[in-house]
Amino acid sequence: MHAPRIGGVIDIPEELVETQTKYNGEPGRAFIAALPDRAAHFLDAWQLTPTGPSMYGMASLVLPVTRADGTPAALKMQLLDEESEGEPVALRIWDGAGAVRLLDDDPATNTMLLERLDETRHLSTVEDSRKAVQILAELLARLTAVQAPAGMRTLGAIARRMLDGVPAALASVPEQAQRQVILGCAAAVREVADEPGDRLLHWDLHYDNILAADREPWLAIDPKPLAGDPGFDLMPALDNRFDLAEVPYRFDLMTEVLGLDRDRARAWVLGRALQNLLWEIEDEELDGLEGEQFAIARLFLGR
């Protein structure tokens, strides 16, 4: 999405202001307030020239730029938080193999200079959903073939926190059928929690986080990296462009392309559903307990 210009060298969209304020509070407001000076600093320090209006998502502002040698690039500024932590590390490890290439970064501010991709062509523009999921699966297989580095947050720790949080969450769920699905997801996670895996996961590889490029047809962007089992990375391809009848096909395709054990992958898909359902409960969005995550969980639990 492009932001309207409101003056200065960057555009700060109202939507970004609202999401940062809503989800990050005072740190989010401080991040927004620092953006003009931060952009000016890195444009100068990295010898960059803006080439168009800024682009934005839920958590970041991206400026299309050219480097001093004329190479197109993208200046990405985002709040350093639990989700964005480790993104430069993952991108440096992948080094452009299936993912956008990191050209430079500033760890103190979580600012990155990335190769420029075609932001007008997301994988979601591919009309054939089965072709799209094939592309996603092949990218995911490449990304998760790499071992995560020491110090990366782990799926094991996430799984333990989820399981510890289930009893309190259930107290907020009035419907017995919903409670049973959550308990079923938790039971599946317990079966695999002691072997959480050590692959470098993207954690958010949905269709809009895959862009067309020149050096490869498609490349992944915006990872939220962690160390774990690739089965935990399958959910975005199951619930994006949602069609419950297509979920078994997508699961079969991805487990085959990635070479995953189907039972373990099933358990980690249920783990991802559990994570999302717990977030819905935490945010008091109980309507989400009848949404896509819930439907996928019921399917995988055979209910």
C-alpha atoms as a PDB file:
ATOM      1  CA  MET A   1       0.000   0.000   0.000  1.00  0.00           C
ATOM      2  CA  HIS A   2       1.169   3.507  -0.746  1.00  0.00           C
ATOM      3  CA  ALA A   3       0.927   6.313   1.784  1.00  0.00           C
ATOM      4  CA  PRO A   4      -0.330   9.825   1.000  1.00  0.00           C
ATOM      5  CA  ARG A   5       2.340  12.514   1.257  1.00  0.00           C
ATOM      6  CA  ILE A   6       2.007  14.766   4.263  1.00  0.00           C
ATOM      7  CA  GLY A   7       5.231  16.709   3.844  1.00  0.00           C
ATOM      8  CA  GLY A   8       8.980  16.261   4.339  1.00  0.00           C
ATOM      9  CA  VAL A   9      11.008  13.449   2.801  1.00  0.00           C
ATOM     10  CA  ILE A  10       8.612  10.676   3.848  1.00  0.00           C
ATOM     11  CA  ASP A  11       4.908   9.908   3.948  1.00  0.00           C
ATOM     12  CA  ILE A  12       3.507   8.653   7.247  1.00  0.00           C
ATOM     13  CA  PRO A  13       0.102   7.044   6.673  1.00  0.00           C
ATOM     14  CA  GLU A  14      -2.626   7.440   9.226  1.00  0.00           C
ATOM     15  CA  GLU A  15      -3.198   3.669   9.111  1.00  0.00           C
ATOM     16  CA  LEU A  16       0.362   3.024  10.319  1.00  0.00           C
ATOM     17  CA  VAL A  17      -0.066   5.588  13.081  1.00  0.00           C
ATOM     18  CA  GLU A  18      -3.273   3.872  14.188  1.00  0.00           C
ATOM     19  CA  THR A  19      -1.875   0.338  14.191  1.00  0.00           C
ATOM     20  CA  GLN A  20       1.298   1.341  16.025  1.00  0.00           C
ATOM     21  CA  THR A  21      -0.716   3.212  18.623  1.00  0.00           C
ATOM     22  CA  LYS A  22      -3.236   0.395  19.044  1.00  0.00           C
ATOM     23  CA  TYR A  23      -0.824  -2.517  19.253  1.00  0.00           C
ATOM     24  CA  ASN A  24       2.377  -0.969  20.614  1.00  0.00           C
ATOM     25  CA  GLY A  25       1.201   1.969  22.717  1.00  0.00           C
ATOM     26  CA  GLU A  26       3.894   4.440  23.741  1.00  0.00           C
ATOM     27  CA  PRO A  27       6.749   2.594  21.943  1.00  0.00           C
ATOM     28  CA  GLY A  28       4.649   2.692  18.773  1.00  0.00           C
ATOM     29  CA  ARG A  29       4.009   6.419  19.122  1.00  0.00           C
ATOM     30  CA  ALA A  30       7.715   7.017  19.734  1.00  0.00           C
ATOM     31  CA  PHE A  31       8.555   5.001  16.614  1.00  0.00           C
ATOM     32  CA  ILE A  32       6.192   7.119  14.506  1.00  0.00           C
ATOM     33  CA  ALA A  33       7.580  10.354  15.955  1.00  0.00           C
ATOM     34  CA  ALA A  34      11.150   9.283  15.135  1.00  0.00           C
ATOM     35  CA  LEU A  35      10.456   8.316  11.515  1.00  0.00           C
ATOM     36  CA  PRO A  36      11.154  11.669   9.784  1.00  0.00           C
ATOM     37  CA  ASP A  37      14.557  12.111  11.427  1.00  0.00           C
ATOM     38  CA  ARG A  38      15.376   8.425  11.042  1.00  0.00           C
ATOM     39  CA  ALA A  39      14.601   8.474   7.339  1.00  0.00           C
ATOM     40  CA  ALA A  40      16.657  11.624   6.804  1.00  0.00           C
ATOM     41  CA  HIS A  41      19.592  10.094   8.683  1.00  0.00           C
ATOM     42  CA  PHE A  42      19.721   6.871   6.690  1.00  0.00           C
ATOM     43  CA  LEU A  43      19.072   8.532   3.360  1.00  0.00           C
ATOM     44  CA  ASP A  44      22.188  10.572   4.047  1.00  0.00           C
ATOM     45  CA  ALA A  45      24.321   7.894   5.761  1.00  0.00           C
ATOM     46  CA  TRP A  46      23.660   5.264   3.096  1.00  0.00           C
ATOM     47  CA  GLN A  47      23.669   7.776   0.213  1.00  0.00           C
ATOM     48  CA  LEU A  48      20.131   7.004  -0.914  1.00  0.00           C
ATOM     49  CA  THR A  49      17.778   8.966  -3.152  1.00  0.00           C
ATOM     50  CA  PRO A  50      13.999   8.530  -2.747  1.00  0.00           C
ATOM     51  CA  THR A  51      12.305   7.533  -5.981  1.00  0.00           C
ATOM     52  CA  GLY A  52       8.609   7.460  -5.082  1.00  0.00           C
ATOM     53  CA  PRO A  53       5.976   7.542  -2.370  1.00  0.00           C
ATOM     54  CA  SER A  54       6.511   5.414   0.705  1.00  0.00           C
ATOM     55  CA  MET A  55       4.849   2.050   1.118  1.00  0.00           C
ATOM     56  CA  TYR A  56       3.581   0.623   4.366  1.00  0.00           C
ATOM     57  CA  GLY A  57       2.183  -2.409   6.081  1.00  0.00           C
ATOM     58  CA  MET A  58       0.906  -3.071   9.581  1.00  0.00           C
ATOM     59  CA  ALA A  59       4.259  -2.454  11.229  1.00  0.00           C
ATOM     60  CA  SER A  60       6.746  -0.865   8.857  1.00  0.00           C
ATOM     61  CA  LEU A  61       7.387   2.013   6.493  1.00  0.00           C
ATOM     62  CA  VAL A  62       9.316   1.322   3.291  1.00  0.00           C
ATOM     63  CA  LEU A  63      10.865   3.972   1.037  1.00  0.00           C
ATOM     64  CA  PRO A  64      11.731   3.113  -2.571  1.00  0.00           C
ATOM     65  CA  VAL A  65      15.227   4.466  -3.169  1.00  0.00           C
ATOM     66  CA  THR A  66      18.290   4.234  -5.379  1.00  0.00           C
ATOM     67  CA  ARG A  67      21.829   3.804  -4.065  1.00  0.00           C
ATOM     68  CA  ALA A  68      24.730   6.034  -5.091  1.00  0.00           C
ATOM     69  CA  ASP A  69      25.590   3.619  -7.920  1.00  0.00           C
ATOM     70  CA  GLY A  70      22.022   3.759  -9.256  1.00  0.00           C
ATOM     71  CA  THR A  71      20.939   0.367  -7.890  1.00  0.00           C
ATOM     72  CA  PRO A  72      17.247   0.274  -6.885  1.00  0.00           C
ATOM     73  CA  ALA A  73      16.681  -0.604  -3.244  1.00  0.00           C
ATOM     74  CA  ALA A  74      14.131  -0.289  -0.435  1.00  0.00           C
ATOM     75  CA  LEU A  75      14.690   1.407   2.931  1.00  0.00           C
ATOM     76  CA  LYS A  76      12.633  -0.432   5.568  1.00  0.00           C
ATOM     77  CA  MET A  77      12.016   1.123   8.991  1.00  0.00           C
ATOM     78  CA  GLN A  78      10.129  -0.725  11.709  1.00  0.00           C
ATOM     79  CA  LEU A  79       9.840  -0.962  15.451  1.00  0.00           C
ATOM     80  CA  LEU A  80      12.175  -3.476  17.026  1.00  0.00           C
ATOM     81  CA  ASP A  81       9.818  -5.829  18.842  1.00  0.00           C
ATOM     82  CA  GLU A  82       9.178  -9.507  19.441  1.00  0.00           C
ATOM     83  CA  GLU A  83       7.896 -10.060  15.907  1.00  0.00           C
ATOM     84  CA  SER A  84      10.597  -8.209  13.961  1.00  0.00           C
ATOM     85  CA  GLU A  85      13.489  -9.408  16.118  1.00  0.00           C
ATOM     86  CA  GLY A  86      15.946 -11.491  14.113  1.00  0.00           C
ATOM     87  CA  GLU A  87      14.774 -10.434  10.635  1.00  0.00           C
ATOM     88  CA  PRO A  88      18.191  -9.128   9.508  1.00  0.00           C
ATOM     89  CA  VAL A  89      19.862 -12.253  10.908  1.00  0.00           C
ATOM     90  CA  ALA A  90      17.583 -14.547   8.910  1.00  0.00           C
ATOM     91  CA  LEU A  91      17.918 -12.514   5.726  1.00  0.00           C
ATOM     92  CA  ARG A  92      21.697 -12.540   6.024  1.00  0.00           C
ATOM     93  CA  ILE A  93      21.720 -16.320   6.478  1.00  0.00           C
ATOM     94  CA  TRP A  94      19.444 -16.900   3.477  1.00  0.00           C
ATOM     95  CA  ASP A  95      21.549 -14.408   1.480  1.00  0.00           C
ATOM     96  CA  GLY A  96      18.960 -14.028  -1.238  1.00  0.00           C
ATOM     97  CA  ALA A  97      18.266 -17.755  -1.672  1.00  0.00           C
ATOM     98  CA  GLY A  98      14.479 -17.667  -1.815  1.00  0.00           C
ATOM     99  CA  ALA A  99      14.224 -14.391   0.084  1.00  0.00           C
ATOM    100  CA  VAL A 100      14.832 -10.694  -0.472  1.00  0.00           C
ATOM    101  CA  ARG A 101      18.518  -9.837  -0.110  1.00  0.00           C
ATOM    102  CA  LEU A 102      19.695  -7.680   2.792  1.00  0.00           C
ATOM    103  CA  LEU A 103      22.058  -4.948   1.572  1.00  0.00           C
ATOM    104  CA  ASP A 104      22.716  -3.142   4.849  1.00  0.00           C
ATOM    105  CA  ASP A 105      21.193  -2.784   8.292  1.00  0.00           C
ATOM    106  CA  ASP A 106      21.391  -0.842  11.544  1.00  0.00           C
ATOM    107  CA  PRO A 107      20.695  -3.145  14.510  1.00  0.00           C
ATOM    108  CA  ALA A 108      20.161  -0.271  16.943  1.00  0.00           C
ATOM    109  CA  THR A 109      17.101   1.014  15.078  1.00  0.00           C
ATOM    110  CA  ASN A 110      16.072  -2.152  13.205  1.00  0.00           C
ATOM    111  CA  THR A 111      16.451  -0.246   9.927  1.00  0.00           C
ATOM    112  CA  MET A 112      17.270  -2.284   6.823  1.00  0.00           C
ATOM    113  CA  LEU A 113      18.281  -1.596   3.256  1.00  0.00           C
ATOM    114  CA  LEU A 114      16.829  -4.304   1.015  1.00  0.00           C
ATOM    115  CA  GLU A 115      17.024  -5.152  -2.644  1.00  0.00           C
ATOM    116  CA  ARG A 116      14.089  -3.723  -4.566  1.00  0.00           C
ATOM    117  CA  LEU A 117      11.412  -6.172  -5.619  1.00  0.00           C
ATOM    118  CA  ASP A 118       8.216  -5.576  -7.592  1.00  0.00           C
ATOM    119  CA  GLU A 119       5.805  -4.412  -4.894  1.00  0.00           C
ATOM    120  CA  THR A 120       2.962  -4.349  -7.433  1.00  0.00           C
ATOM    121  CA  ARG A 121       3.072  -8.141  -7.939  1.00  0.00           C
ATOM    122  CA  HIS A 122       2.322 -10.266  -4.887  1.00  0.00           C
ATOM    123  CA  LEU A 123       1.828 -14.010  -5.165  1.00  0.00           C
ATOM    124  CA  SER A 124      -1.815 -13.319  -4.339  1.00  0.00           C
ATOM    125  CA  THR A 125      -2.158 -11.912  -7.876  1.00  0.00           C
ATOM    126  CA  VAL A 126      -1.680 -15.423  -9.293  1.00  0.00           C
ATOM    127  CA  GLU A 127      -5.254 -16.461  -9.986  1.00  0.00           C
ATOM    128  CA  ASP A 128      -4.645 -20.221  -9.997  1.00  0.00           C
ATOM    129  CA  SER A 129      -4.599 -20.996  -6.269  1.00  0.00           C
ATOM    130  CA  ARG A 130      -2.964 -24.395  -6.763  1.00  0.00           C
ATOM    131  CA  LYS A 131      -0.157 -22.849  -8.789  1.00  0.00           C
ATOM    132  CA  ALA A 132       0.271 -20.221  -6.082  1.00  0.00           C
ATOM    133  CA  VAL A 133       0.543 -22.767  -3.276  1.00  0.00           C
ATOM    134  CA  GLN A 134       3.060 -24.760  -5.330  1.00  0.00           C
ATOM    135  CA  ILE A 135       5.246 -21.653  -5.615  1.00  0.00           C
ATOM    136  CA  LEU A 136       4.875 -20.957  -1.901  1.00  0.00           C
ATOM    137  CA  ALA A 137       5.729 -24.540  -0.971  1.00  0.00           C
ATOM    138  CA  GLU A 138       8.875 -24.547  -3.095  1.00  0.00           C
ATOM    139  CA  LEU A 139      10.049 -21.288  -1.519  1.00  0.00           C
ATOM    140  CA  LEU A 140       9.276 -22.566   1.962  1.00  0.00           C
ATOM    141  CA  ALA A 141      11.249 -25.753   1.302  1.00  0.00           C
ATOM    142  CA  ARG A 142      14.307 -23.678   0.426  1.00  0.00           C
ATOM    143  CA  LEU A 143      13.993 -21.375   3.413  1.00  0.00           C
ATOM    144  CA  THR A 144      13.454 -24.112   5.987  1.00  0.00           C
ATOM    145  CA  ALA A 145      16.304 -26.251   4.636  1.00  0.00           C
ATOM    146  CA  VAL A 146      18.633 -24.002   6.642  1.00  0.00           C
ATOM    147  CA  GLN A 147      19.418 -24.606  10.314  1.00  0.00           C
ATOM    148  CA  ALA A 148      18.517 -21.720  12.599  1.00  0.00           C
ATOM    149  CA  PRO A 149      21.420 -19.913  14.266  1.00  0.00           C
ATOM    150  CA  ALA A 150      22.144 -20.098  17.977  1.00  0.00           C
ATOM    151  CA  GLY A 151      20.210 -17.521  19.946  1.00  0.00           C
ATOM    152  CA  MET A 152      17.162 -17.438  17.677  1.00  0.00           C
ATOM    153  CA  ARG A 153      13.824 -17.616  19.493  1.00  0.00           C
ATOM    154  CA  THR A 154      12.505 -21.157  19.495  1.00  0.00           C
ATOM    155  CA  LEU A 155       9.283 -22.952  18.739  1.00  0.00           C
ATOM    156  CA  GLY A 156       9.876 -25.032  21.863  1.00  0.00           C
ATOM    157  CA  ALA A 157       9.567 -21.957  24.076  1.00  0.00           C
ATOM    158  CA  ILE A 158       6.496 -20.784  22.167  1.00  0.00           C
ATOM    159  CA  ALA A 159       4.859 -24.204  22.541  1.00  0.00           C
ATOM    160  CA  ARG A 160       5.470 -24.233  26.291  1.00  0.00           C
ATOM    161  CA  ARG A 161       3.940 -20.772  26.693  1.00  0.00           C
ATOM    162  CA  MET A 162       0.911 -21.801  24.656  1.00  0.00           C
ATOM    163  CA  LEU A 163       0.312 -24.920  26.703  1.00  0.00           C
ATOM    164  CA  ASP A 164       0.765 -23.019  29.957  1.00  0.00           C
ATOM    165  CA  GLY A 165      -1.818 -20.483  28.780  1.00  0.00           C
ATOM    166  CA  VAL A 166      -4.532 -22.941  27.775  1.00  0.00           C
ATOM    167  CA  PRO A 167      -6.256 -23.373  31.191  1.00  0.00           C
ATOM    168  CA  ALA A 168      -6.726 -19.622  31.716  1.00  0.00           C
ATOM    169  CA  ALA A 169      -7.894 -19.146  28.123  1.00  0.00           C
ATOM    170  CA  LEU A 170     -10.508 -21.877  28.425  1.00  0.00           C
ATOM    171  CA  ALA A 171     -12.092 -19.999  31.297  1.00  0.00           C
ATOM    172  CA  SER A 172     -13.086 -17.310  28.783  1.00  0.00           C
ATOM    173  CA  VAL A 173     -14.634 -19.732  26.259  1.00  0.00           C
ATOM    174  CA  PRO A 174     -18.310 -20.449  26.951  1.00  0.00           C
ATOM    175  CA  GLU A 175     -19.019 -22.967  24.172  1.00  0.00           C
ATOM    176  CA  GLN A 176     -18.158 -26.576  24.914  1.00  0.00           C
ATOM    177  CA  ALA A 177     -17.455 -27.389  21.236  1.00  0.00           C
ATOM    178  CA  GLN A 178     -14.920 -24.566  21.069  1.00  0.00           C
ATOM    179  CA  ARG A 179     -13.296 -25.711  24.297  1.00  0.00           C
ATOM    180  CA  GLN A 180     -12.954 -29.233  22.926  1.00  0.00           C
ATOM    181  CA  VAL A 181     -11.215 -28.004  19.778  1.00  0.00           C
ATOM    182  CA  ILE A 182      -8.750 -25.963  21.827  1.00  0.00           C
ATOM    183  CA  LEU A 183      -8.084 -28.950  24.071  1.00  0.00           C
ATOM    184  CA  GLY A 184      -7.575 -31.131  20.998  1.00  0.00           C
ATOM    185  CA  CYS A 185      -5.035 -28.674  19.594  1.00  0.00           C
ATOM    186  CA  ALA A 186      -3.203 -28.581  22.916  1.00  0.00           C
ATOM    187  CA  ALA A 187      -3.099 -32.382  23.085  1.00  0.00           C
ATOM    188  CA  ALA A 188      -1.554 -32.513  19.606  1.00  0.00           C
ATOM    189  CA  VAL A 189       1.102 -29.982  20.584  1.00  0.00           C
ATOM    190  CA  ARG A 190       2.016 -31.973  23.709  1.00  0.00           C
ATOM    191  CA  GLU A 191       2.809 -34.966  21.483  1.00  0.00           C
ATOM    192  CA  VAL A 192       5.540 -33.046  19.626  1.00  0.00           C
ATOM    193  CA  ALA A 193       6.589 -30.298  22.042  1.00  0.00           C
ATOM    194  CA  ASP A 194       9.706 -32.180  23.164  1.00  0.00           C
ATOM    195  CA  GLU A 195      10.992 -32.210  19.559  1.00  0.00           C
ATOM    196  CA  PRO A 196      10.282 -28.682  18.305  1.00  0.00           C
ATOM    197  CA  GLY A 197      12.834 -28.743  15.470  1.00  0.00           C
ATOM    198  CA  ASP A 198      15.807 -26.561  14.567  1.00  0.00           C
ATOM    199  CA  ARG A 199      15.078 -25.226  11.056  1.00  0.00           C
ATOM    200  CA  LEU A 200      15.022 -21.507  10.281  1.00  0.00           C
ATOM    201  CA  LEU A 201      11.334 -20.690   9.899  1.00  0.00           C
ATOM    202  CA  HIS A 202       9.783 -17.668   8.188  1.00  0.00           C
ATOM    203  CA  TRP A 203       6.669 -17.798  10.432  1.00  0.00           C
ATOM    204  CA  ASP A 204       4.576 -15.527   8.193  1.00  0.00           C
ATOM    205  CA  LEU A 205       4.881 -16.824   4.630  1.00  0.00           C
ATOM    206  CA  HIS A 206       1.482 -15.875   3.243  1.00  0.00           C
ATOM    207  CA  TYR A 207       0.801 -14.872  -0.355  1.00  0.00           C
ATOM    208  CA  ASP A 208       1.305 -11.137   0.171  1.00  0.00           C
ATOM    209  CA  ASN A 209       4.740 -11.769   1.675  1.00  0.00           C
ATOM    210  CA  ILE A 210       5.994 -13.168  -1.614  1.00  0.00           C
ATOM    211  CA  LEU A 211       6.888 -10.649  -4.329  1.00  0.00           C
ATOM    212  CA  ALA A 212       7.944 -10.934  -7.946  1.00  0.00           C
ATOM    213  CA  ALA A 213      11.592 -10.138  -8.677  1.00  0.00           C
ATOM    214  CA  ASP A 214      14.080  -9.877 -11.525  1.00  0.00           C
ATOM    215  CA  ARG A 215      16.757 -12.317 -10.403  1.00  0.00           C
ATOM    216  CA  GLU A 216      14.178 -14.961  -9.393  1.00  0.00           C
ATOM    217  CA  PRO A 217      10.492 -15.199 -10.282  1.00  0.00           C
ATOM    218  CA  TRP A 218       9.383 -14.928  -6.641  1.00  0.00           C
ATOM    219  CA  LEU A 219      11.077 -14.045  -3.347  1.00  0.00           C
ATOM    220  CA  ALA A 220       9.902 -14.033   0.280  1.00  0.00           C
ATOM    221  CA  ILE A 221       9.851 -10.852   2.359  1.00  0.00           C
ATOM    222  CA  ASP A 222       9.109  -9.828   5.946  1.00  0.00           C
ATOM    223  CA  PRO A 223      10.118 -12.936   7.930  1.00  0.00           C
ATOM    224  CA  LYS A 224       9.377 -13.267  11.636  1.00  0.00           C
ATOM    225  CA  PRO A 225      12.093 -15.877  12.134  1.00  0.00           C
ATOM    226  CA  LEU A 226      12.315 -18.589  14.737  1.00  0.00           C
ATOM    227  CA  ALA A 227      13.920 -22.017  15.126  1.00  0.00           C
ATOM    228  CA  GLY A 228      11.519 -24.894  14.791  1.00  0.00           C
ATOM    229  CA  ASP A 229       9.707 -27.548  12.803  1.00  0.00           C
ATOM    230  CA  PRO A 230       8.668 -26.540   9.253  1.00  0.00           C
ATOM    231  CA  GLY A 231       5.180 -27.894   9.946  1.00  0.00           C
ATOM    232  CA  PHE A 232       4.574 -24.765  12.007  1.00  0.00           C
ATOM    233  CA  ASP A 233       5.061 -22.701   8.838  1.00  0.00           C
ATOM    234  CA  LEU A 234       2.274 -24.336   6.811  1.00  0.00           C
ATOM    235  CA  MET A 235      -0.740 -22.515   8.232  1.00  0.00           C
ATOM    236  CA  PRO A 236      -0.531 -19.238   6.245  1.00  0.00           C
ATOM    237  CA  ALA A 237      -0.886 -21.198   2.993  1.00  0.00           C
ATOM    238  CA  LEU A 238      -3.882 -23.068   4.423  1.00  0.00           C
ATOM    239  CA  ASP A 239      -5.894 -20.110   5.686  1.00  0.00           C
ATOM    240  CA  ASN A 240      -4.992 -17.442   3.105  1.00  0.00           C
ATOM    241  CA  ARG A 241      -7.373 -17.374   0.128  1.00  0.00           C
ATOM    242  CA  PHE A 242      -9.366 -19.655   2.383  1.00  0.00           C
ATOM    243  CA  ASP A 243     -11.271 -22.579   0.928  1.00  0.00           C
ATOM    244  CA  LEU A 244     -11.818 -25.409   3.393  1.00  0.00           C
ATOM    245  CA  ALA A 245     -12.247 -27.915   0.568  1.00  0.00           C
ATOM    246  CA  GLU A 246      -8.747 -27.026  -0.690  1.00  0.00           C
ATOM    247  CA  VAL A 247      -7.022 -27.406   2.685  1.00  0.00           C
ATOM    248  CA  PRO A 248      -6.311 -31.178   2.356  1.00  0.00           C
ATOM    249  CA  TYR A 249      -4.824 -30.657  -1.122  1.00  0.00           C
ATOM    250  CA  ARG A 250      -2.605 -27.816   0.096  1.00  0.00           C
ATOM    251  CA  PHE A 251      -1.463 -29.802   3.119  1.00  0.00           C
ATOM    252  CA  ASP A 252      -0.659 -32.860   0.995  1.00  0.00           C
ATOM    253  CA  LEU A 253       1.252 -30.755  -1.523  1.00  0.00           C
ATOM    254  CA  MET A 254       3.297 -28.881   1.053  1.00  0.00           C
ATOM    255  CA  THR A 255       4.211 -31.930   3.122  1.00  0.00           C
ATOM    256  CA  GLU A 256       5.344 -33.660  -0.060  1.00  0.00           C
ATOM    257  CA  VAL A 257       7.389 -30.718  -1.377  1.00  0.00           C
ATOM    258  CA  LEU A 258       8.989 -30.099   2.019  1.00  0.00           C
ATOM    259  CA  GLY A 259       9.479 -33.804   2.735  1.00  0.00           C
ATOM    260  CA  LEU A 260       7.680 -33.620   6.088  1.00  0.00           C
ATOM    261  CA  ASP A 261       6.344 -36.364   8.309  1.00  0.00           C
ATOM    262  CA  ARG A 262       2.595 -35.922   7.931  1.00  0.00           C
ATOM    263  CA  ASP A 263       1.687 -36.727  11.532  1.00  0.00           C
ATOM    264  CA  ARG A 264       4.203 -34.254  12.938  1.00  0.00           C
ATOM    265  CA  ALA A 265       3.175 -31.630  10.385  1.00  0.00           C
ATOM    266  CA  ARG A 266      -0.466 -32.132  11.335  1.00  0.00           C
ATOM    267  CA  ALA A 267       0.401 -31.622  15.001  1.00  0.00           C
ATOM    268  CA  TRP A 268       2.273 -28.389  14.298  1.00  0.00           C
ATOM    269  CA  VAL A 269      -0.555 -27.078  12.101  1.00  0.00           C
ATOM    270  CA  LEU A 270      -2.806 -27.631  15.098  1.00  0.00           C
ATOM    271  CA  GLY A 271      -0.174 -25.841  17.175  1.00  0.00           C
ATOM    272  CA  ARG A 272      -0.350 -22.859  14.861  1.00  0.00           C
ATOM    273  CA  ALA A 273      -4.141 -22.924  15.096  1.00  0.00           C
ATOM    274  CA  LEU A 274      -3.846 -23.026  18.872  1.00  0.00           C
ATOM    275  CA  GLN A 275      -1.556 -20.014  18.861  1.00  0.00           C
ATOM    276  CA  ASN A 276      -3.958 -18.006  16.727  1.00  0.00           C
ATOM    277  CA  LEU A 277      -7.016 -19.059  18.737  1.00  0.00           C
ATOM    278  CA  LEU A 278      -5.302 -18.100  21.985  1.00  0.00           C
ATOM    279  CA  TRP A 279      -4.545 -14.697  20.500  1.00  0.00           C
ATOM    280  CA  GLU A 280      -8.224 -14.309  19.611  1.00  0.00           C
ATOM    281  CA  ILE A 281      -9.200 -15.125  23.179  1.00  0.00           C
ATOM    282  CA  GLU A 282      -6.577 -12.767  24.599  1.00  0.00           C
ATOM    283  CA  ASP A 283      -7.931  -9.957  22.416  1.00  0.00           C
ATOM    284  CA  GLU A 284     -11.496 -10.872  23.446  1.00  0.00           C
ATOM    285  CA  GLU A 285     -12.382 -11.586  19.816  1.00  0.00           C
ATOM    286  CA  LEU A 286     -14.421 -14.711  20.477  1.00  0.00           C
ATOM    287  CA  ASP A 287     -16.062 -14.483  17.035  1.00  0.00           C
ATOM    288  CA  GLY A 288     -12.707 -15.690  15.704  1.00  0.00           C
ATOM    289  CA  LEU A 289     -13.325 -19.011  17.400  1.00  0.00           C
ATOM    290  CA  GLU A 290     -15.752 -19.787  14.596  1.00  0.00           C
ATOM    291  CA  GLY A 291     -13.443 -18.540  11.843  1.00  0.00           C
ATOM    292  CA  GLU A 292     -10.896 -20.058   9.493  1.00  0.00           C
ATOM    293  CA  GLN A 293      -8.416 -21.212  12.147  1.00  0.00           C
ATOM    294  CA  PHE A 294     -11.188 -22.969  14.028  1.00  0.00           C
ATOM    295  CA  ALA A 295     -12.456 -24.649  10.848  1.00  0.00           C
ATOM    296  CA  ILE A 296      -8.967 -25.901   9.963  1.00  0.00           C
ATOM    297  CA  ALA A 297      -8.423 -27.179  13.495  1.00  0.00           C
ATOM    298  CA  ARG A 298     -11.723 -29.073  13.399  1.00  0.00           C
ATOM    299  CA  LEU A 299     -10.764 -30.591  10.047  1.00  0.00           C
ATOM    300  CA  PHE A 300      -7.379 -31.789  11.298  1.00  0.00           C
ATOM    301  CA  LEU A 301      -8.904 -33.107  14.499  1.00  0.00           C
ATOM    302  CA  GLY A 302     -11.539 -35.008  12.498  1.00  0.00           C
ATOM    303  CA  ARG A 303     -14.476 -33.220  14.118  1.00  0.00           C
END
